[in-house]
Amino acid sequence: EYDSKSVNIGGSILLFKRLYFFSMAQNMKYFAGGVAY
């Protein structure tokens, strides 16, 4: 996505129909991620 100030990229994947892994990079500088059941 582009929000007029920065480019943000991210993704998610669902494994075993239950486990989500997700991550993102805000402005290609600040990284975040997580896991959800």
Full PDB file with SEQRES, HELIX, SHEET, SSBOND, CRYST1, ORIGX, SCALE, CONECT and MASTER records, all heavy atoms in Angstrom:
SEQRES   1 A   37  GLU TYR ASP SER LYS SER VAL ASN ILE GLY GLY SER ILE          
SEQRES   2 A   37  LEU LEU PHE LYS ARG LEU TYR PHE PHE SER MET ALA GLN          
SEQRES   3 A   37  ASN MET LYS TYR PHE ALA GLY GLY VAL ALA TYR                  
SHEET    1 AA1 3 ILE A   9  LEU A  15  0                                        
SHEET    2 AA1 3 LEU A  19  GLN A  26 -1                                        
SHEET    3 AA1 3 TYR A  30  ALA A  36 -1                                        
CRYST1    1.000    1.000    1.000  90.00  90.00  90.00 P 1           1          
ORIGX1      1.000000  0.000000  0.000000        0.00000                         
ORIGX2      0.000000  1.000000  0.000000        0.00000                         
ORIGX3      0.000000  0.000000  1.000000        0.00000                         
SCALE1      1.000000  0.000000  0.000000        0.00000                         
SCALE2      0.000000  1.000000  0.000000        0.00000                         
SCALE3      0.000000  0.000000  1.000000        0.00000                         
ATOM      1  N   GLU A   1       0.836  -1.195   0.000  1.00  0.00           N  
ATOM      2  CA  GLU A   1       0.000   0.000   0.000  1.00  0.00           C  
ATOM      3  C   GLU A   1       0.872   1.246   0.000  1.00  0.00           C  
ATOM      4  O   GLU A   1       2.018   1.221   0.430  1.00  0.00           O  
ATOM      5  CB  GLU A   1      -0.956   0.027   1.189  1.00  0.00           C  
ATOM      6  CG  GLU A   1      -0.289   0.150   2.527  1.00  0.00           C  
ATOM      7  CD  GLU A   1      -1.267   0.177   3.680  1.00  0.00           C  
ATOM      8  OE1 GLU A   1      -2.406  -0.254   3.522  1.00  0.00           O  
ATOM      9  OE2 GLU A   1      -0.864   0.639   4.755  1.00  0.00           O  
ATOM     10  N   TYR A   2       0.274   2.311  -0.497  1.00  0.00           N  
ATOM     11  CA  TYR A   2       0.921   3.623  -0.512  1.00  0.00           C  
ATOM     12  C   TYR A   2      -0.049   4.599   0.134  1.00  0.00           C  
ATOM     13  O   TYR A   2      -1.215   4.680  -0.258  1.00  0.00           O  
ATOM     14  CB  TYR A   2       1.234   4.043  -1.947  1.00  0.00           C  
ATOM     15  CG  TYR A   2       1.832   5.416  -2.049  1.00  0.00           C  
ATOM     16  CD1 TYR A   2       3.121   5.661  -1.596  1.00  0.00           C  
ATOM     17  CD2 TYR A   2       1.112   6.463  -2.581  1.00  0.00           C  
ATOM     18  CE1 TYR A   2       3.672   6.935  -1.682  1.00  0.00           C  
ATOM     19  CE2 TYR A   2       1.653   7.739  -2.667  1.00  0.00           C  
ATOM     20  CZ  TYR A   2       2.935   7.957  -2.218  1.00  0.00           C  
ATOM     21  OH  TYR A   2       3.470   9.214  -2.300  1.00  0.00           O  
ATOM     22  N   ASP A   3       0.408   5.355   1.125  1.00  0.00           N  
ATOM     23  CA  ASP A   3      -0.488   6.257   1.863  1.00  0.00           C  
ATOM     24  C   ASP A   3      -0.132   7.730   1.677  1.00  0.00           C  
ATOM     25  O   ASP A   3      -0.391   8.540   2.543  1.00  0.00           O  
ATOM     26  CB  ASP A   3      -0.521   5.894   3.339  1.00  0.00           C  
ATOM     27  CG  ASP A   3       0.815   6.088   4.037  1.00  0.00           C  
ATOM     28  OD1 ASP A   3       1.762   6.588   3.414  1.00  0.00           O  
ATOM     29  OD2 ASP A   3       0.902   5.737   5.220  1.00  0.00           O  
ATOM     30  N   SER A   4       0.467   8.085   0.567  1.00  0.00           N  
ATOM     31  CA  SER A   4       0.897   9.423   0.182  1.00  0.00           C  
ATOM     32  C   SER A   4       2.167   9.869   0.897  1.00  0.00           C  
ATOM     33  O   SER A   4       2.708  10.920   0.580  1.00  0.00           O  
ATOM     34  CB  SER A   4      -0.199  10.474   0.347  1.00  0.00           C  
ATOM     35  OG  SER A   4      -0.322  10.884   1.687  1.00  0.00           O  
ATOM     36  N   LYS A   5       2.641   9.095   1.849  1.00  0.00           N  
ATOM     37  CA  LYS A   5       3.882   9.426   2.553  1.00  0.00           C  
ATOM     38  C   LYS A   5       4.880   8.284   2.528  1.00  0.00           C  
ATOM     39  O   LYS A   5       6.076   8.512   2.559  1.00  0.00           O  
ATOM     40  CB  LYS A   5       3.588   9.791   4.006  1.00  0.00           C  
ATOM     41  CG  LYS A   5       2.770  11.040   4.169  1.00  0.00           C  
ATOM     42  CD  LYS A   5       2.507  11.313   5.616  1.00  0.00           C  
ATOM     43  CE  LYS A   5       1.585  12.519   5.737  1.00  0.00           C  
ATOM     44  NZ  LYS A   5       1.168  12.753   7.105  1.00  0.00           N  
ATOM     45  N   SER A   6       4.399   7.044   2.507  1.00  0.00           N  
ATOM     46  CA  SER A   6       5.301   5.906   2.585  1.00  0.00           C  
ATOM     47  C   SER A   6       4.707   4.697   1.877  1.00  0.00           C  
ATOM     48  O   SER A   6       3.512   4.643   1.594  1.00  0.00           O  
ATOM     49  CB  SER A   6       5.587   5.562   4.052  1.00  0.00           C  
ATOM     50  OG  SER A   6       4.385   5.218   4.710  1.00  0.00           O  
ATOM     51  N   VAL A   7       5.575   3.733   1.624  1.00  0.00           N  
ATOM     52  CA  VAL A   7       5.168   2.461   1.038  1.00  0.00           C  
ATOM     53  C   VAL A   7       5.237   1.417   2.145  1.00  0.00           C  
ATOM     54  O   VAL A   7       6.249   1.298   2.835  1.00  0.00           O  
ATOM     55  CB  VAL A   7       6.099   2.061  -0.126  1.00  0.00           C  
ATOM     56  CG1 VAL A   7       5.766   0.673  -0.627  1.00  0.00           C  
ATOM     57  CG2 VAL A   7       6.018   3.074  -1.241  1.00  0.00           C  
ATOM     58  N   ASN A   8       4.161   0.680   2.319  1.00  0.00           N  
ATOM     59  CA  ASN A   8       4.087  -0.355   3.336  1.00  0.00           C  
ATOM     60  C   ASN A   8       3.852  -1.691   2.639  1.00  0.00           C  
ATOM     61  O   ASN A   8       3.050  -1.780   1.718  1.00  0.00           O  
ATOM     62  CB  ASN A   8       2.941  -0.074   4.303  1.00  0.00           C  
ATOM     63  CG  ASN A   8       3.034   1.315   4.891  1.00  0.00           C  
ATOM     64  OD1 ASN A   8       4.088   1.738   5.324  1.00  0.00           O  
ATOM     65  ND2 ASN A   8       1.937   2.042   4.875  1.00  0.00           N  
ATOM     66  N   ILE A   9       4.562  -2.724   3.090  1.00  0.00           N  
ATOM     67  CA  ILE A   9       4.357  -4.053   2.534  1.00  0.00           C  
ATOM     68  C   ILE A   9       4.132  -5.034   3.682  1.00  0.00           C  
ATOM     69  O   ILE A   9       4.569  -4.800   4.808  1.00  0.00           O  
ATOM     70  CB  ILE A   9       5.535  -4.523   1.665  1.00  0.00           C  
ATOM     71  CG1 ILE A   9       6.827  -4.610   2.480  1.00  0.00           C  
ATOM     72  CG2 ILE A   9       5.716  -3.631   0.457  1.00  0.00           C  
ATOM     73  CD1 ILE A   9       7.934  -5.332   1.782  1.00  0.00           C  
ATOM     74  N   GLY A  10       3.435  -6.096   3.387  1.00  0.00           N  
ATOM     75  CA  GLY A  10       3.183  -7.096   4.409  1.00  0.00           C  
ATOM     76  C   GLY A  10       2.640  -8.368   3.806  1.00  0.00           C  
ATOM     77  O   GLY A  10       2.443  -8.475   2.598  1.00  0.00           O  
ATOM     78  N   GLY A  11       2.406  -9.307   4.654  1.00  0.00           N  
ATOM     79  CA  GLY A  11       1.863 -10.571   4.197  1.00  0.00           C  
ATOM     80  C   GLY A  11       1.389 -11.414   5.353  1.00  0.00           C  
ATOM     81  O   GLY A  11       1.693 -11.149   6.518  1.00  0.00           O  
ATOM     82  N   SER A  12       0.629 -12.423   4.993  1.00  0.00           N  
ATOM     83  CA  SER A  12       0.166 -13.380   5.995  1.00  0.00           C  
ATOM     84  C   SER A  12       0.062 -14.750   5.338  1.00  0.00           C  
ATOM     85  O   SER A  12      -0.082 -14.866   4.121  1.00  0.00           O  
ATOM     86  CB  SER A  12      -1.190 -12.962   6.575  1.00  0.00           C  
ATOM     87  OG  SER A  12      -2.189 -13.029   5.577  1.00  0.00           O  
ATOM     88  N   ILE A  13       0.143 -15.747   6.167  1.00  0.00           N  
ATOM     89  CA  ILE A  13       0.016 -17.118   5.689  1.00  0.00           C  
ATOM     90  C   ILE A  13      -0.739 -17.922   6.743  1.00  0.00           C  
ATOM     91  O   ILE A  13      -0.548 -17.719   7.950  1.00  0.00           O  
ATOM     92  CB  ILE A  13       1.396 -17.739   5.375  1.00  0.00           C  
ATOM     93  CG1 ILE A  13       1.222 -19.087   4.675  1.00  0.00           C  
ATOM     94  CG2 ILE A  13       2.255 -17.847   6.610  1.00  0.00           C  
ATOM     95  CD1 ILE A  13       2.491 -19.603   4.057  1.00  0.00           C  
ATOM     96  N   LEU A  14      -1.624 -18.776   6.293  1.00  0.00           N  
ATOM     97  CA  LEU A  14      -2.387 -19.668   7.169  1.00  0.00           C  
ATOM     98  C   LEU A  14      -1.845 -21.074   6.984  1.00  0.00           C  
ATOM     99  O   LEU A  14      -1.827 -21.609   5.875  1.00  0.00           O  
ATOM    100  CB  LEU A  14      -3.878 -19.624   6.806  1.00  0.00           C  
ATOM    101  CG  LEU A  14      -4.793 -20.570   7.552  1.00  0.00           C  
ATOM    102  CD1 LEU A  14      -4.827 -20.244   9.041  1.00  0.00           C  
ATOM    103  CD2 LEU A  14      -6.197 -20.516   6.970  1.00  0.00           C  
ATOM    104  N   LEU A  15      -1.382 -21.664   8.071  1.00  0.00           N  
ATOM    105  CA  LEU A  15      -0.839 -23.019   8.032  1.00  0.00           C  
ATOM    106  C   LEU A  15      -1.703 -23.963   8.860  1.00  0.00           C  
ATOM    107  O   LEU A  15      -2.192 -23.578   9.932  1.00  0.00           O  
ATOM    108  CB  LEU A  15       0.591 -23.034   8.574  1.00  0.00           C  
ATOM    109  CG  LEU A  15       1.602 -22.176   7.832  1.00  0.00           C  
ATOM    110  CD1 LEU A  15       2.930 -22.178   8.570  1.00  0.00           C  
ATOM    111  CD2 LEU A  15       1.780 -22.680   6.415  1.00  0.00           C  
ATOM    112  N   PHE A  16      -1.892 -25.145   8.378  1.00  0.00           N  
ATOM    113  CA  PHE A  16      -2.636 -26.200   9.078  1.00  0.00           C  
ATOM    114  C   PHE A  16      -4.070 -25.795   9.400  1.00  0.00           C  
ATOM    115  O   PHE A  16      -4.650 -26.260  10.376  1.00  0.00           O  
ATOM    116  CB  PHE A  16      -1.917 -26.628  10.362  1.00  0.00           C  
ATOM    117  CG  PHE A  16      -0.457 -26.892  10.169  1.00  0.00           C  
ATOM    118  CD1 PHE A  16       0.488 -26.079  10.751  1.00  0.00           C  
ATOM    119  CD2 PHE A  16      -0.032 -27.952   9.384  1.00  0.00           C  
ATOM    120  CE1 PHE A  16       1.838 -26.310  10.573  1.00  0.00           C  
ATOM    121  CE2 PHE A  16       1.320 -28.190   9.194  1.00  0.00           C  
ATOM    122  CZ  PHE A  16       2.257 -27.371   9.799  1.00  0.00           C  
ATOM    123  N   LYS A  17      -4.651 -24.882   8.635  1.00  0.00           N  
ATOM    124  CA  LYS A  17      -6.024 -24.386   8.789  1.00  0.00           C  
ATOM    125  C   LYS A  17      -6.279 -23.701  10.131  1.00  0.00           C  
ATOM    126  O   LYS A  17      -7.405 -23.398  10.479  1.00  0.00           O  
ATOM    127  CB  LYS A  17      -7.046 -25.505   8.592  1.00  0.00           C  
ATOM    128  CG  LYS A  17      -7.029 -26.106   7.216  1.00  0.00           C  
ATOM    129  CD  LYS A  17      -8.089 -27.161   7.084  1.00  0.00           C  
ATOM    130  CE  LYS A  17      -8.036 -27.793   5.706  1.00  0.00           C  
ATOM    131  NZ  LYS A  17      -9.063 -28.800   5.531  1.00  0.00           N  
ATOM    132  N   ARG A  18      -5.254 -23.433  10.905  1.00  0.00           N  
ATOM    133  CA  ARG A  18      -5.442 -22.848  12.237  1.00  0.00           C  
ATOM    134  C   ARG A  18      -4.436 -21.761  12.601  1.00  0.00           C  
ATOM    135  O   ARG A  18      -4.714 -20.898  13.398  1.00  0.00           O  
ATOM    136  CB  ARG A  18      -5.338 -23.941  13.306  1.00  0.00           C  
ATOM    137  CG  ARG A  18      -6.371 -25.005  13.205  1.00  0.00           C  
ATOM    138  CD  ARG A  18      -7.539 -24.631  14.057  1.00  0.00           C  
ATOM    139  NE  ARG A  18      -8.493 -25.723  14.078  1.00  0.00           N  
ATOM    140  CZ  ARG A  18      -9.767 -25.574  13.862  1.00  0.00           C  
ATOM    141  NH1 ARG A  18     -10.262 -24.392  13.617  1.00  0.00           N  
ATOM    142  NH2 ARG A  18     -10.580 -26.584  13.889  1.00  0.00           N  
ATOM    143  N   LEU A  19      -3.244 -21.819  12.088  1.00  0.00           N  
ATOM    144  CA  LEU A  19      -2.145 -20.986  12.565  1.00  0.00           C  
ATOM    145  C   LEU A  19      -1.808 -19.898  11.543  1.00  0.00           C  
ATOM    146  O   LEU A  19      -1.410 -20.190  10.417  1.00  0.00           O  
ATOM    147  CB  LEU A  19      -0.925 -21.865  12.808  1.00  0.00           C  
ATOM    148  CG  LEU A  19       0.175 -21.357  13.689  1.00  0.00           C  
ATOM    149  CD1 LEU A  19      -0.338 -20.966  15.065  1.00  0.00           C  
ATOM    150  CD2 LEU A  19       1.254 -22.413  13.835  1.00  0.00           C  
ATOM    151  N   TYR A  20      -1.988 -18.631  11.943  1.00  0.00           N  
ATOM    152  CA  TYR A  20      -1.667 -17.477  11.100  1.00  0.00           C  
ATOM    153  C   TYR A  20      -0.321 -16.906  11.493  1.00  0.00           C  
ATOM    154  O   TYR A  20      -0.044 -16.696  12.677  1.00  0.00           O  
ATOM    155  CB  TYR A  20      -2.686 -16.352  11.311  1.00  0.00           C  
ATOM    156  CG  TYR A  20      -3.896 -16.394  10.442  1.00  0.00           C  
ATOM    157  CD1 TYR A  20      -5.130 -16.704  10.989  1.00  0.00           C  
ATOM    158  CD2 TYR A  20      -3.824 -16.093   9.092  1.00  0.00           C  
ATOM    159  CE1 TYR A  20      -6.268 -16.727  10.207  1.00  0.00           C  
ATOM    160  CE2 TYR A  20      -4.952 -16.119   8.309  1.00  0.00           C  
ATOM    161  CZ  TYR A  20      -6.166 -16.434   8.867  1.00  0.00           C  
ATOM    162  OH  TYR A  20      -7.282 -16.457   8.091  1.00  0.00           O  
ATOM    163  N   PHE A  21       0.508 -16.644  10.513  1.00  0.00           N  
ATOM    164  CA  PHE A  21       1.732 -15.882  10.696  1.00  0.00           C  
ATOM    165  C   PHE A  21       1.589 -14.631   9.845  1.00  0.00           C  
ATOM    166  O   PHE A  21       1.178 -14.721   8.690  1.00  0.00           O  
ATOM    167  CB  PHE A  21       2.962 -16.670  10.234  1.00  0.00           C  
ATOM    168  CG  PHE A  21       3.302 -17.827  11.118  1.00  0.00           C  
ATOM    169  CD1 PHE A  21       2.835 -19.092  10.827  1.00  0.00           C  
ATOM    170  CD2 PHE A  21       4.095 -17.639  12.236  1.00  0.00           C  
ATOM    171  CE1 PHE A  21       3.148 -20.167  11.635  1.00  0.00           C  
ATOM    172  CE2 PHE A  21       4.408 -18.708  13.053  1.00  0.00           C  
ATOM    173  CZ  PHE A  21       3.938 -19.973  12.752  1.00  0.00           C  
ATOM    174  N   PHE A  22       1.905 -13.483  10.386  1.00  0.00           N  
ATOM    175  CA  PHE A  22       1.788 -12.257   9.608  1.00  0.00           C  
ATOM    176  C   PHE A  22       2.933 -11.312   9.954  1.00  0.00           C  
ATOM    177  O   PHE A  22       3.478 -11.346  11.059  1.00  0.00           O  
ATOM    178  CB  PHE A  22       0.429 -11.577   9.825  1.00  0.00           C  
ATOM    179  CG  PHE A  22       0.041 -11.387  11.253  1.00  0.00           C  
ATOM    180  CD1 PHE A  22       0.350 -10.218  11.918  1.00  0.00           C  
ATOM    181  CD2 PHE A  22      -0.634 -12.379  11.935  1.00  0.00           C  
ATOM    182  CE1 PHE A  22      -0.012 -10.043  13.240  1.00  0.00           C  
ATOM    183  CE2 PHE A  22      -1.003 -12.216  13.255  1.00  0.00           C  
ATOM    184  CZ  PHE A  22      -0.687 -11.042  13.919  1.00  0.00           C  
ATOM    185  N   SER A  23       3.298 -10.499   8.972  1.00  0.00           N  
ATOM    186  CA  SER A  23       4.360  -9.519   9.176  1.00  0.00           C  
ATOM    187  C   SER A  23       4.118  -8.335   8.252  1.00  0.00           C  
ATOM    188  O   SER A  23       3.388  -8.432   7.270  1.00  0.00           O  
ATOM    189  CB  SER A  23       5.731 -10.130   8.906  1.00  0.00           C  
ATOM    190  OG  SER A  23       5.833 -10.483   7.547  1.00  0.00           O  
ATOM    191  N   MET A  24       4.746  -7.220   8.591  1.00  0.00           N  
ATOM    192  CA  MET A  24       4.632  -6.024   7.769  1.00  0.00           C  
ATOM    193  C   MET A  24       5.853  -5.144   7.993  1.00  0.00           C  
ATOM    194  O   MET A  24       6.526  -5.252   9.005  1.00  0.00           O  
ATOM    195  CB  MET A  24       3.346  -5.246   8.065  1.00  0.00           C  
ATOM    196  CG  MET A  24       3.169  -4.778   9.476  1.00  0.00           C  
ATOM    197  SD  MET A  24       3.612  -3.082   9.888  1.00  0.00           S  
ATOM    198  CE  MET A  24       2.840  -2.116   8.680  1.00  0.00           C  
ATOM    199  N   ALA A  25       6.103  -4.304   6.993  1.00  0.00           N  
ATOM    200  CA  ALA A  25       7.189  -3.327   7.073  1.00  0.00           C  
ATOM    201  C   ALA A  25       6.597  -1.967   6.744  1.00  0.00           C  
ATOM    202  O   ALA A  25       6.152  -1.740   5.620  1.00  0.00           O  
ATOM    203  CB  ALA A  25       8.298  -3.677   6.105  1.00  0.00           C  
ATOM    204  N   GLN A  26       6.555  -1.091   7.725  1.00  0.00           N  
ATOM    205  CA  GLN A  26       6.018   0.251   7.521  1.00  0.00           C  
ATOM    206  C   GLN A  26       7.141   1.154   7.047  1.00  0.00           C  
ATOM    207  O   GLN A  26       8.184   1.263   7.699  1.00  0.00           O  
ATOM    208  CB  GLN A  26       5.411   0.786   8.803  1.00  0.00           C  
ATOM    209  CG  GLN A  26       4.776   2.140   8.641  1.00  0.00           C  
ATOM    210  CD  GLN A  26       4.177   2.639   9.932  1.00  0.00           C  
ATOM    211  OE1 GLN A  26       4.466   2.125  11.010  1.00  0.00           O  
ATOM    212  NE2 GLN A  26       3.338   3.638   9.832  1.00  0.00           N  
ATOM    213  N   ASN A  27       6.925   1.788   5.905  1.00  0.00           N  
ATOM    214  CA  ASN A  27       7.900   2.677   5.295  1.00  0.00           C  
ATOM    215  C   ASN A  27       9.233   1.974   5.062  1.00  0.00           C  
ATOM    216  O   ASN A  27      10.287   2.602   5.035  1.00  0.00           O  
ATOM    217  CB  ASN A  27       8.089   3.942   6.127  1.00  0.00           C  
ATOM    218  CG  ASN A  27       8.670   5.071   5.313  1.00  0.00           C  
ATOM    219  OD1 ASN A  27       8.618   5.060   4.088  1.00  0.00           O  
ATOM    220  ND2 ASN A  27       9.230   6.052   5.983  1.00  0.00           N  
ATOM    221  N   MET A  28       9.200   0.665   4.930  1.00  0.00           N  
ATOM    222  CA  MET A  28      10.385  -0.164   4.691  1.00  0.00           C  
ATOM    223  C   MET A  28      11.452   0.011   5.782  1.00  0.00           C  
ATOM    224  O   MET A  28      12.605  -0.288   5.583  1.00  0.00           O  
ATOM    225  CB  MET A  28      10.976   0.139   3.319  1.00  0.00           C  
ATOM    226  CG  MET A  28       9.996  -0.057   2.171  1.00  0.00           C  
ATOM    227  SD  MET A  28       9.331  -1.723   2.075  1.00  0.00           S  
ATOM    228  CE  MET A  28      10.800  -2.598   1.622  1.00  0.00           C  
ATOM    229  N   LYS A  29      11.033   0.499   6.969  1.00  0.00           N  
ATOM    230  CA  LYS A  29      11.966   0.718   8.072  1.00  0.00           C  
ATOM    231  C   LYS A  29      11.548  -0.014   9.340  1.00  0.00           C  
ATOM    232  O   LYS A  29      12.382  -0.542  10.058  1.00  0.00           O  
ATOM    233  CB  LYS A  29      12.057   2.208   8.407  1.00  0.00           C  
ATOM    234  CG  LYS A  29      12.682   3.054   7.363  1.00  0.00           C  
ATOM    235  CD  LYS A  29      12.719   4.490   7.844  1.00  0.00           C  
ATOM    236  CE  LYS A  29      13.253   5.410   6.779  1.00  0.00           C  
ATOM    237  NZ  LYS A  29      13.232   6.803   7.210  1.00  0.00           N  
ATOM    238  N   TYR A  30      10.264   0.019   9.645  1.00  0.00           N  
ATOM    239  CA  TYR A  30       9.770  -0.493  10.921  1.00  0.00           C  
ATOM    240  C   TYR A  30       9.039  -1.808  10.688  1.00  0.00           C  
ATOM    241  O   TYR A  30       8.031  -1.852   9.998  1.00  0.00           O  
ATOM    242  CB  TYR A  30       8.834   0.531  11.561  1.00  0.00           C  
ATOM    243  CG  TYR A  30       9.434   1.906  11.607  1.00  0.00           C  
ATOM    244  CD1 TYR A  30       9.012   2.894  10.722  1.00  0.00           C  
ATOM    245  CD2 TYR A  30      10.451   2.208  12.503  1.00  0.00           C  
ATOM    246  CE1 TYR A  30       9.575   4.154  10.739  1.00  0.00           C  
ATOM    247  CE2 TYR A  30      11.026   3.464  12.526  1.00  0.00           C  
ATOM    248  CZ  TYR A  30      10.584   4.432  11.647  1.00  0.00           C  
ATOM    249  OH  TYR A  30      11.149   5.676  11.660  1.00  0.00           O  
ATOM    250  N   PHE A  31       9.549  -2.865  11.279  1.00  0.00           N  
ATOM    251  CA  PHE A  31       8.997  -4.191  11.060  1.00  0.00           C  
ATOM    252  C   PHE A  31       8.173  -4.650  12.249  1.00  0.00           C  
ATOM    253  O   PHE A  31       8.498  -4.349  13.400  1.00  0.00           O  
ATOM    254  CB  PHE A  31      10.119  -5.195  10.791  1.00  0.00           C  
ATOM    255  CG  PHE A  31      10.834  -4.933   9.500  1.00  0.00           C  
ATOM    256  CD1 PHE A  31      11.944  -4.122   9.459  1.00  0.00           C  
ATOM    257  CD2 PHE A  31      10.378  -5.487   8.317  1.00  0.00           C  
ATOM    258  CE1 PHE A  31      12.602  -3.869   8.279  1.00  0.00           C  
ATOM    259  CE2 PHE A  31      11.012  -5.242   7.117  1.00  0.00           C  
ATOM    260  CZ  PHE A  31      12.143  -4.422   7.102  1.00  0.00           C  
ATOM    261  N   ALA A  32       7.112  -5.358  11.954  1.00  0.00           N  
ATOM    262  CA  ALA A  32       6.248  -5.923  12.991  1.00  0.00           C  
ATOM    263  C   ALA A  32       5.728  -7.255  12.496  1.00  0.00           C  
ATOM    264  O   ALA A  32       5.701  -7.527  11.298  1.00  0.00           O  
ATOM    265  CB  ALA A  32       5.091  -4.981  13.297  1.00  0.00           C  
ATOM    266  N   GLY A  33       5.308  -8.086  13.413  1.00  0.00           N  
ATOM    267  CA  GLY A  33       4.768  -9.380  13.030  1.00  0.00           C  
ATOM    268  C   GLY A  33       4.060 -10.025  14.191  1.00  0.00           C  
ATOM    269  O   GLY A  33       4.050  -9.503  15.303  1.00  0.00           O  
ATOM    270  N   GLY A  34       3.472 -11.149  13.909  1.00  0.00           N  
ATOM    271  CA  GLY A  34       2.771 -11.850  14.962  1.00  0.00           C  
ATOM    272  C   GLY A  34       2.295 -13.215  14.532  1.00  0.00           C  
ATOM    273  O   GLY A  34       2.428 -13.616  13.374  1.00  0.00           O  
ATOM    274  N   VAL A  35       1.728 -13.904  15.492  1.00  0.00           N  
ATOM    275  CA  VAL A  35       1.173 -15.236  15.287  1.00  0.00           C  
ATOM    276  C   VAL A  35      -0.205 -15.248  15.924  1.00  0.00           C  
ATOM    277  O   VAL A  35      -0.408 -14.665  16.985  1.00  0.00           O  
ATOM    278  CB  VAL A  35       2.059 -16.310  15.958  1.00  0.00           C  
ATOM    279  CG1 VAL A  35       1.479 -17.692  15.788  1.00  0.00           C  
ATOM    280  CG2 VAL A  35       3.479 -16.254  15.421  1.00  0.00           C  
ATOM    281  N   ALA A  36      -1.147 -15.889  15.268  1.00  0.00           N  
ATOM    282  CA  ALA A  36      -2.498 -16.010  15.816  1.00  0.00           C  
ATOM    283  C   ALA A  36      -3.001 -17.429  15.585  1.00  0.00           C  
ATOM    284  O   ALA A  36      -2.649 -18.075  14.603  1.00  0.00           O  
ATOM    285  CB  ALA A  36      -3.444 -15.016  15.150  1.00  0.00           C  
ATOM    286  N   TYR A  37      -3.827 -17.898  16.504  1.00  0.00           N  
ATOM    287  CA  TYR A  37      -4.434 -19.217  16.387  1.00  0.00           C  
ATOM    288  C   TYR A  37      -5.904 -19.035  16.042  1.00  0.00           C  
ATOM    289  O   TYR A  37      -6.613 -18.284  16.739  1.00  0.00           O  
ATOM    290  CB  TYR A  37      -4.292 -20.002  17.697  1.00  0.00           C  
ATOM    291  CG  TYR A  37      -4.773 -21.429  17.582  1.00  0.00           C  
ATOM    292  CD1 TYR A  37      -3.986 -22.373  16.957  1.00  0.00           C  
ATOM    293  CD2 TYR A  37      -6.000 -21.806  18.087  1.00  0.00           C  
ATOM    294  CE1 TYR A  37      -4.408 -23.686  16.834  1.00  0.00           C  
ATOM    295  CE2 TYR A  37      -6.445 -23.109  17.972  1.00  0.00           C  
ATOM    296  CZ  TYR A  37      -5.654 -24.037  17.342  1.00  0.00           C  
ATOM    297  OH  TYR A  37      -6.070 -25.328  17.210  1.00  0.00           O  
TER     298      TYR A  37                                                      
MASTER        0    0    0    0    3    0    0    6  297    1    0    3          
END                                                                             
